[in-house]
Amino acid sequence: MTTNLDTVGEVRDFLRLCLNPGPRRTGRTVAQLAKVMPDWLAERLTAHAPHLTELREAAVRAEAEAARARKAYADALGAWITEETTQ
């Protein structure tokens, strides 16, 4: 089955298939799907649901900021453990 995901129905059907791919195949939650959704699929989705674009972009920015914060914490923790800082 090949589809271009041109209609709302095609996109919804494909996303439903991603959530529940069928017997003997592992499904996923909507949260898991949102996290692993490739850009090409997100583009098709937002073509039909533009209100989701800003939310996805905010989530991507927040994840990047969280990654920077985790790195800063790990760097500071490492420095503290090795006594490279007195703070």
PDB file of N, CA and C in Angstrom:
ATOM      1  N   MET A   1       0.837  -1.181   0.000  1.00  0.00           N
ATOM      2  CA  MET A   1       0.000   0.000   0.000  1.00  0.00           C
ATOM      3  C   MET A   1       0.883   1.245   0.000  1.00  0.00           C
ATOM      4  N   THR A   2       0.808   2.010  -1.034  1.00  0.00           N
ATOM      5  CA  THR A   2       1.567   3.244  -1.131  1.00  0.00           C
ATOM      6  C   THR A   2       0.591   4.408  -1.107  1.00  0.00           C
ATOM      7  N   THR A   3       0.929   5.412  -0.338  1.00  0.00           N
ATOM      8  CA  THR A   3       0.072   6.583  -0.258  1.00  0.00           C
ATOM      9  C   THR A   3       0.947   7.828  -0.156  1.00  0.00           C
ATOM     10  N   ASN A   4       0.436   8.929  -0.625  1.00  0.00           N
ATOM     11  CA  ASN A   4       1.160  10.187  -0.552  1.00  0.00           C
ATOM     12  C   ASN A   4       0.781  10.990   0.681  1.00  0.00           C
ATOM     13  N   LEU A   5      -0.183  10.498   1.418  1.00  0.00           N
ATOM     14  CA  LEU A   5      -0.660  11.200   2.606  1.00  0.00           C
ATOM     15  C   LEU A   5      -1.113  12.612   2.254  1.00  0.00           C
ATOM     16  N   ASP A   6      -1.922  12.699   1.220  1.00  0.00           N
ATOM     17  CA  ASP A   6      -2.399  13.991   0.740  1.00  0.00           C
ATOM     18  C   ASP A   6      -3.656  14.480   1.443  1.00  0.00           C
ATOM     19  N   THR A   7      -4.409  13.575   2.028  1.00  0.00           N
ATOM     20  CA  THR A   7      -5.666  13.970   2.659  1.00  0.00           C
ATOM     21  C   THR A   7      -5.587  13.778   4.172  1.00  0.00           C
ATOM     22  N   VAL A   8      -6.479  14.450   4.863  1.00  0.00           N
ATOM     23  CA  VAL A   8      -6.567  14.301   6.319  1.00  0.00           C
ATOM     24  C   VAL A   8      -6.781  12.836   6.680  1.00  0.00           C
ATOM     25  N   GLY A   9      -7.665  12.177   5.964  1.00  0.00           N
ATOM     26  CA  GLY A   9      -7.966  10.773   6.241  1.00  0.00           C
ATOM     27  C   GLY A   9      -6.757   9.875   6.058  1.00  0.00           C
ATOM     28  N   GLU A  10      -5.978  10.111   5.004  1.00  0.00           N
ATOM     29  CA  GLU A  10      -4.776   9.297   4.768  1.00  0.00           C
ATOM     30  C   GLU A  10      -3.751   9.493   5.876  1.00  0.00           C
ATOM     31  N   VAL A  11      -3.573  10.728   6.312  1.00  0.00           N
ATOM     32  CA  VAL A  11      -2.612  10.995   7.389  1.00  0.00           C
ATOM     33  C   VAL A  11      -3.076  10.341   8.674  1.00  0.00           C
ATOM     34  N   ARG A  12      -4.352  10.510   9.016  1.00  0.00           N
ATOM     35  CA  ARG A  12      -4.885   9.902  10.246  1.00  0.00           C
ATOM     36  C   ARG A  12      -4.768   8.381  10.187  1.00  0.00           C
ATOM     37  N   ASP A  13      -5.119   7.790   9.043  1.00  0.00           N
ATOM     38  CA  ASP A  13      -5.020   6.330   8.920  1.00  0.00           C
ATOM     39  C   ASP A  13      -3.581   5.855   9.099  1.00  0.00           C
ATOM     40  N   PHE A  14      -2.639   6.572   8.500  1.00  0.00           N
ATOM     41  CA  PHE A  14      -1.239   6.184   8.620  1.00  0.00           C
ATOM     42  C   PHE A  14      -0.767   6.306  10.067  1.00  0.00           C
ATOM     43  N   LEU A  15      -1.144   7.385  10.737  1.00  0.00           N
ATOM     44  CA  LEU A  15      -0.749   7.560  12.137  1.00  0.00           C
ATOM     45  C   LEU A  15      -1.375   6.487  13.028  1.00  0.00           C
ATOM     46  N   ARG A  16      -2.619   6.116  12.739  1.00  0.00           N
ATOM     47  CA  ARG A  16      -3.257   5.022  13.486  1.00  0.00           C
ATOM     48  C   ARG A  16      -2.486   3.715  13.285  1.00  0.00           C
ATOM     49  N   LEU A  17      -2.036   3.492  12.062  1.00  0.00           N
ATOM     50  CA  LEU A  17      -1.234   2.302  11.769  1.00  0.00           C
ATOM     51  C   LEU A  17       0.093   2.344  12.525  1.00  0.00           C
ATOM     52  N   CYS A  18       0.676   3.520  12.643  1.00  0.00           N
ATOM     53  CA  CYS A  18       1.922   3.664  13.414  1.00  0.00           C
ATOM     54  C   CYS A  18       1.694   3.332  14.889  1.00  0.00           C
ATOM     55  N   LEU A  19       0.522   3.659  15.398  1.00  0.00           N
ATOM     56  CA  LEU A  19       0.201   3.372  16.799  1.00  0.00           C
ATOM     57  C   LEU A  19      -0.084   1.895  17.013  1.00  0.00           C
ATOM     58  N   ASN A  20      -0.772   1.291  16.072  1.00  0.00           N
ATOM     59  CA  ASN A  20      -1.172  -0.106  16.210  1.00  0.00           C
ATOM     60  C   ASN A  20      -0.912  -0.829  14.886  1.00  0.00           C
ATOM     61  N   PRO A  21       0.335  -1.300  14.671  1.00  0.00           N
ATOM     62  CA  PRO A  21       0.708  -1.863  13.378  1.00  0.00           C
ATOM     63  C   PRO A  21       0.141  -3.251  13.084  1.00  0.00           C
ATOM     64  N   GLY A  22      -0.507  -3.864  14.047  1.00  0.00           N
ATOM     65  CA  GLY A  22      -1.143  -5.146  13.768  1.00  0.00           C
ATOM     66  C   GLY A  22      -0.559  -6.287  14.575  1.00  0.00           C
ATOM     67  N   PRO A  23      -1.062  -7.489  14.318  1.00  0.00           N
ATOM     68  CA  PRO A  23      -0.654  -8.670  15.079  1.00  0.00           C
ATOM     69  C   PRO A  23       0.859  -8.907  15.028  1.00  0.00           C
ATOM     70  N   ARG A  24       1.388  -9.321  16.154  1.00  0.00           N
ATOM     71  CA  ARG A  24       2.809  -9.676  16.306  1.00  0.00           C
ATOM     72  C   ARG A  24       3.759  -8.507  16.042  1.00  0.00           C
ATOM     73  N   ARG A  25       3.224  -7.299  16.037  1.00  0.00           N
ATOM     74  CA  ARG A  25       4.062  -6.109  15.863  1.00  0.00           C
ATOM     75  C   ARG A  25       3.825  -5.192  17.056  1.00  0.00           C
ATOM     76  N   THR A  26       4.878  -4.589  17.518  1.00  0.00           N
ATOM     77  CA  THR A  26       4.788  -3.746  18.701  1.00  0.00           C
ATOM     78  C   THR A  26       4.175  -2.403  18.367  1.00  0.00           C
ATOM     79  N   GLY A  27       3.162  -2.048  19.122  1.00  0.00           N
ATOM     80  CA  GLY A  27       2.533  -0.741  18.966  1.00  0.00           C
ATOM     81  C   GLY A  27       3.267   0.292  19.808  1.00  0.00           C
ATOM     82  N   ARG A  28       2.752   1.494  19.793  1.00  0.00           N
ATOM     83  CA  ARG A  28       3.357   2.560  20.597  1.00  0.00           C
ATOM     84  C   ARG A  28       2.260   3.497  21.063  1.00  0.00           C
ATOM     85  N   THR A  29       2.590   4.298  22.053  1.00  0.00           N
ATOM     86  CA  THR A  29       1.657   5.309  22.542  1.00  0.00           C
ATOM     87  C   THR A  29       1.768   6.550  21.656  1.00  0.00           C
ATOM     88  N   VAL A  30       0.817   7.438  21.820  1.00  0.00           N
ATOM     89  CA  VAL A  30       0.870   8.699  21.077  1.00  0.00           C
ATOM     90  C   VAL A  30       2.118   9.483  21.485  1.00  0.00           C
ATOM     91  N   ALA A  31       2.463   9.465  22.773  1.00  0.00           N
ATOM     92  CA  ALA A  31       3.665  10.170  23.247  1.00  0.00           C
ATOM     93  C   ALA A  31       4.920   9.599  22.585  1.00  0.00           C
ATOM     94  N   GLN A  32       4.994   8.275  22.470  1.00  0.00           N
ATOM     95  CA  GLN A  32       6.143   7.651  21.809  1.00  0.00           C
ATOM     96  C   GLN A  32       6.186   8.038  20.332  1.00  0.00           C
ATOM     97  N   LEU A  33       5.029   8.031  19.688  1.00  0.00           N
ATOM     98  CA  LEU A  33       4.964   8.412  18.276  1.00  0.00           C
ATOM     99  C   LEU A  33       5.420   9.853  18.087  1.00  0.00           C
ATOM    100  N   ALA A  34       4.968  10.753  18.949  1.00  0.00           N
ATOM    101  CA  ALA A  34       5.359  12.156  18.835  1.00  0.00           C
ATOM    102  C   ALA A  34       6.868  12.310  18.959  1.00  0.00           C
ATOM    103  N   LYS A  35       7.477  11.498  19.793  1.00  0.00           N
ATOM    104  CA  LYS A  35       8.924  11.607  20.025  1.00  0.00           C
ATOM    105  C   LYS A  35       9.738  11.090  18.841  1.00  0.00           C
ATOM    106  N   VAL A  36       9.256  10.068  18.158  1.00  0.00           N
ATOM    107  CA  VAL A  36      10.041   9.449  17.078  1.00  0.00           C
ATOM    108  C   VAL A  36       9.563   9.833  15.678  1.00  0.00           C
ATOM    109  N   MET A  37       8.532  10.652  15.593  1.00  0.00           N
ATOM    110  CA  MET A  37       7.976  10.996  14.286  1.00  0.00           C
ATOM    111  C   MET A  37       9.031  11.689  13.415  1.00  0.00           C
ATOM    112  N   PRO A  38       9.300  11.148  12.236  1.00  0.00           N
ATOM    113  CA  PRO A  38      10.284  11.788  11.357  1.00  0.00           C
ATOM    114  C   PRO A  38       9.743  13.105  10.788  1.00  0.00           C
ATOM    115  N   ASP A  39      10.649  13.967  10.390  1.00  0.00           N
ATOM    116  CA  ASP A  39      10.263  15.282   9.877  1.00  0.00           C
ATOM    117  C   ASP A  39       9.320  15.194   8.682  1.00  0.00           C
ATOM    118  N   TRP A  40       9.572  14.239   7.777  1.00  0.00           N
ATOM    119  CA  TRP A  40       8.725  14.152   6.582  1.00  0.00           C
ATOM    120  C   TRP A  40       7.277  13.871   6.953  1.00  0.00           C
ATOM    121  N   LEU A  41       7.062  13.077   8.010  1.00  0.00           N
ATOM    122  CA  LEU A  41       5.702  12.767   8.441  1.00  0.00           C
ATOM    123  C   LEU A  41       5.103  13.954   9.189  1.00  0.00           C
ATOM    124  N   ALA A  42       5.906  14.608  10.005  1.00  0.00           N
ATOM    125  CA  ALA A  42       5.427  15.797  10.722  1.00  0.00           C
ATOM    126  C   ALA A  42       5.002  16.877   9.728  1.00  0.00           C
ATOM    127  N   GLU A  43       5.724  16.999   8.623  1.00  0.00           N
ATOM    128  CA  GLU A  43       5.349  17.980   7.601  1.00  0.00           C
ATOM    129  C   GLU A  43       3.992  17.654   6.992  1.00  0.00           C
ATOM    130  N   ARG A  44       3.756  16.381   6.720  1.00  0.00           N
ATOM    131  CA  ARG A  44       2.447  15.969   6.182  1.00  0.00           C
ATOM    132  C   ARG A  44       1.343  16.226   7.199  1.00  0.00           C
ATOM    133  N   LEU A  45       1.635  15.937   8.454  1.00  0.00           N
ATOM    134  CA  LEU A  45       0.655  16.141   9.516  1.00  0.00           C
ATOM    135  C   LEU A  45       0.308  17.617   9.651  1.00  0.00           C
ATOM    136  N   THR A  46       1.325  18.461   9.735  1.00  0.00           N
ATOM    137  CA  THR A  46       1.052  19.878   9.962  1.00  0.00           C
ATOM    138  C   THR A  46       0.434  20.565   8.742  1.00  0.00           C
ATOM    139  N   ALA A  47       0.554  19.950   7.576  1.00  0.00           N
ATOM    140  CA  ALA A  47      -0.146  20.488   6.407  1.00  0.00           C
ATOM    141  C   ALA A  47      -1.654  20.420   6.626  1.00  0.00           C
ATOM    142  N   HIS A  48      -2.092  19.434   7.406  1.00  0.00           N
ATOM    143  CA  HIS A  48      -3.520  19.251   7.672  1.00  0.00           C
ATOM    144  C   HIS A  48      -3.910  19.747   9.059  1.00  0.00           C
ATOM    145  N   ALA A  49      -2.934  19.943   9.933  1.00  0.00           N
ATOM    146  CA  ALA A  49      -3.199  20.392  11.299  1.00  0.00           C
ATOM    147  C   ALA A  49      -2.148  21.440  11.684  1.00  0.00           C
ATOM    148  N   PRO A  50      -2.212  22.616  11.054  1.00  0.00           N
ATOM    149  CA  PRO A  50      -1.179  23.624  11.277  1.00  0.00           C
ATOM    150  C   PRO A  50      -1.048  24.075  12.733  1.00  0.00           C
ATOM    151  N   HIS A  51      -2.111  23.918  13.503  1.00  0.00           N
ATOM    152  CA  HIS A  51      -2.046  24.311  14.913  1.00  0.00           C
ATOM    153  C   HIS A  51      -1.052  23.455  15.702  1.00  0.00           C
ATOM    154  N   LEU A  52      -0.652  22.313  15.166  1.00  0.00           N
ATOM    155  CA  LEU A  52       0.315  21.457  15.845  1.00  0.00           C
ATOM    156  C   LEU A  52       1.757  21.889  15.600  1.00  0.00           C
ATOM    157  N   THR A  53       1.989  22.711  14.595  1.00  0.00           N
ATOM    158  CA  THR A  53       3.347  23.134  14.244  1.00  0.00           C
ATOM    159  C   THR A  53       4.033  23.840  15.397  1.00  0.00           C
ATOM    160  N   GLU A  54       3.387  24.844  15.966  1.00  0.00           N
ATOM    161  CA  GLU A  54       3.994  25.611  17.051  1.00  0.00           C
ATOM    162  C   GLU A  54       4.249  24.720  18.270  1.00  0.00           C
ATOM    163  N   LEU A  55       3.328  23.827  18.560  1.00  0.00           N
ATOM    164  CA  LEU A  55       3.517  22.924  19.698  1.00  0.00           C
ATOM    165  C   LEU A  55       4.708  21.999  19.485  1.00  0.00           C
ATOM    166  N   ARG A  56       4.846  21.455  18.278  1.00  0.00           N
ATOM    167  CA  ARG A  56       5.991  20.571  17.986  1.00  0.00           C
ATOM    168  C   ARG A  56       7.299  21.345  18.082  1.00  0.00           C
ATOM    169  N   GLU A  57       7.325  22.540  17.526  1.00  0.00           N
ATOM    170  CA  GLU A  57       8.537  23.360  17.582  1.00  0.00           C
ATOM    171  C   GLU A  57       8.902  23.706  19.033  1.00  0.00           C
ATOM    172  N   ALA A  58       7.898  24.003  19.856  1.00  0.00           N
ATOM    173  CA  ALA A  58       8.153  24.300  21.269  1.00  0.00           C
ATOM    174  C   ALA A  58       8.713  23.066  21.974  1.00  0.00           C
ATOM    175  N   ALA A  59       8.199  21.896  21.641  1.00  0.00           N
ATOM    176  CA  ALA A  59       8.699  20.657  22.248  1.00  0.00           C
ATOM    177  C   ALA A  59      10.144  20.401  21.841  1.00  0.00           C
ATOM    178  N   VAL A  60      10.470  20.630  20.581  1.00  0.00           N
ATOM    179  CA  VAL A  60      11.847  20.437  20.102  1.00  0.00           C
ATOM    180  C   VAL A  60      12.790  21.399  20.818  1.00  0.00           C
ATOM    181  N   ARG A  61      12.371  22.668  20.946  1.00  0.00           N
ATOM    182  CA  ARG A  61      13.209  23.649  21.656  1.00  0.00           C
ATOM    183  C   ARG A  61      13.401  23.253  23.120  1.00  0.00           C
ATOM    184  N   ALA A  62      12.339  22.804  23.764  1.00  0.00           N
ATOM    185  CA  ALA A  62      12.424  22.411  25.171  1.00  0.00           C
ATOM    186  C   ALA A  62      13.338  21.200  25.353  1.00  0.00           C
ATOM    187  N   GLU A  63      13.271  20.251  24.432  1.00  0.00           N
ATOM    188  CA  GLU A  63      14.148  19.079  24.507  1.00  0.00           C
ATOM    189  C   GLU A  63      15.611  19.488  24.338  1.00  0.00           C
ATOM    190  N   ALA A  64      15.878  20.414  23.439  1.00  0.00           N
ATOM    191  CA  ALA A  64      17.259  20.885  23.239  1.00  0.00           C
ATOM    192  C   ALA A  64      17.756  21.600  24.490  1.00  0.00           C
ATOM    193  N   GLU A  65      16.916  22.427  25.078  1.00  0.00           N
ATOM    194  CA  GLU A  65      17.296  23.132  26.304  1.00  0.00           C
ATOM    195  C   GLU A  65      17.532  22.141  27.438  1.00  0.00           C
ATOM    196  N   ALA A  66      16.695  21.134  27.535  1.00  0.00           N
ATOM    197  CA  ALA A  66      16.874  20.109  28.572  1.00  0.00           C
ATOM    198  C   ALA A  66      18.188  19.361  28.376  1.00  0.00           C
ATOM    199  N   ALA A  67      18.535  19.067  27.143  1.00  0.00           N
ATOM    200  CA  ALA A  67      19.805  18.382  26.858  1.00  0.00           C
ATOM    201  C   ALA A  67      20.987  19.262  27.270  1.00  0.00           C
ATOM    202  N   ARG A  68      20.900  20.567  26.988  1.00  0.00           N
ATOM    203  CA  ARG A  68      21.968  21.486  27.399  1.00  0.00           C
ATOM    204  C   ARG A  68      22.068  21.546  28.926  1.00  0.00           C
ATOM    205  N   ALA A  69      20.925  21.571  29.601  1.00  0.00           N
ATOM    206  CA  ALA A  69      20.928  21.630  31.065  1.00  0.00           C
ATOM    207  C   ALA A  69      21.507  20.350  31.665  1.00  0.00           C
ATOM    208  N   ARG A  70      21.154  19.186  31.089  1.00  0.00           N
ATOM    209  CA  ARG A  70      21.709  17.916  31.577  1.00  0.00           C
ATOM    210  C   ARG A  70      23.222  17.875  31.393  1.00  0.00           C
ATOM    211  N   LYS A  71      23.709  18.379  30.259  1.00  0.00           N
ATOM    212  CA  LYS A  71      25.157  18.411  30.017  1.00  0.00           C
ATOM    213  C   LYS A  71      25.850  19.341  30.998  1.00  0.00           C
ATOM    214  N   ALA A  72      25.290  20.521  31.225  1.00  0.00           N
ATOM    215  CA  ALA A  72      25.887  21.465  32.167  1.00  0.00           C
ATOM    216  C   ALA A  72      25.941  20.854  33.566  1.00  0.00           C
ATOM    217  N   TYR A  73      24.870  20.179  33.959  1.00  0.00           N
ATOM    218  CA  TYR A  73      24.842  19.530  35.263  1.00  0.00           C
ATOM    219  C   TYR A  73      25.900  18.432  35.342  1.00  0.00           C
ATOM    220  N   ALA A  74      25.970  17.590  34.317  1.00  0.00           N
ATOM    221  CA  ALA A  74      26.946  16.493  34.310  1.00  0.00           C
ATOM    222  C   ALA A  74      28.371  17.038  34.334  1.00  0.00           C
ATOM    223  N   ASP A  75      28.629  18.107  33.575  1.00  0.00           N
ATOM    224  CA  ASP A  75      29.963  18.717  33.580  1.00  0.00           C
ATOM    225  C   ASP A  75      30.305  19.250  34.969  1.00  0.00           C
ATOM    226  N   ALA A  76      29.360  19.939  35.585  1.00  0.00           N
ATOM    227  CA  ALA A  76      29.598  20.493  36.918  1.00  0.00           C
ATOM    228  C   ALA A  76      29.763  19.387  37.951  1.00  0.00           C
ATOM    229  N   LEU A  77      28.973  18.346  37.832  1.00  0.00           N
ATOM    230  CA  LEU A  77      29.094  17.208  38.744  1.00  0.00           C
ATOM    231  C   LEU A  77      30.458  16.557  38.602  1.00  0.00           C
ATOM    232  N   GLY A  78      30.884  16.354  37.366  1.00  0.00           N
ATOM    233  CA  GLY A  78      32.198  15.765  37.134  1.00  0.00           C
ATOM    234  C   GLY A  78      33.308  16.614  37.706  1.00  0.00           C
ATOM    235  N   ALA A  79      33.198  17.933  37.512  1.00  0.00           N
ATOM    236  CA  ALA A  79      34.206  18.841  38.066  1.00  0.00           C
ATOM    237  C   ALA A  79      34.207  18.785  39.587  1.00  0.00           C
ATOM    238  N   TRP A  80      33.047  18.708  40.189  1.00  0.00           N
ATOM    239  CA  TRP A  80      32.967  18.647  41.648  1.00  0.00           C
ATOM    240  C   TRP A  80      33.569  17.352  42.169  1.00  0.00           C
ATOM    241  N   ILE A  81      33.234  16.250  41.502  1.00  0.00           N
ATOM    242  CA  ILE A  81      33.742  14.941  41.934  1.00  0.00           C
ATOM    243  C   ILE A  81      35.269  14.917  41.874  1.00  0.00           C
ATOM    244  N   THR A  82      35.837  15.494  40.836  1.00  0.00           N
ATOM    245  CA  THR A  82      37.300  15.464  40.682  1.00  0.00           C
ATOM    246  C   THR A  82      37.967  16.663  41.355  1.00  0.00           C
ATOM    247  N   GLU A  83      37.170  17.414  42.112  1.00  0.00           N
ATOM    248  CA  GLU A  83      37.672  18.565  42.876  1.00  0.00           C
ATOM    249  C   GLU A  83      38.297  19.640  41.999  1.00  0.00           C
ATOM    250  N   GLU A  84      37.776  19.779  40.784  1.00  0.00           N
ATOM    251  CA  GLU A  84      38.275  20.823  39.879  1.00  0.00           C
ATOM    252  C   GLU A  84      37.627  22.161  40.163  1.00  0.00           C
ATOM    253  N   THR A  85      36.652  22.170  41.051  1.00  0.00           N
ATOM    254  CA  THR A  85      35.993  23.418  41.428  1.00  0.00           C
ATOM    255  C   THR A  85      35.707  23.387  42.919  1.00  0.00           C
ATOM    256  N   THR A  86      35.592  24.541  43.515  1.00  0.00           N
ATOM    257  CA  THR A  86      35.322  24.591  44.950  1.00  0.00           C
ATOM    258  C   THR A  86      33.878  24.928  45.250  1.00  0.00           C
ATOM    259  N   GLN A  87      33.062  25.090  44.228  1.00  0.00           N
ATOM    260  CA  GLN A  87      31.651  25.445  44.441  1.00  0.00           C
ATOM    261  C   GLN A  87      30.838  24.283  44.880  1.00  0.00           C
TER     262      GLN A  87
END
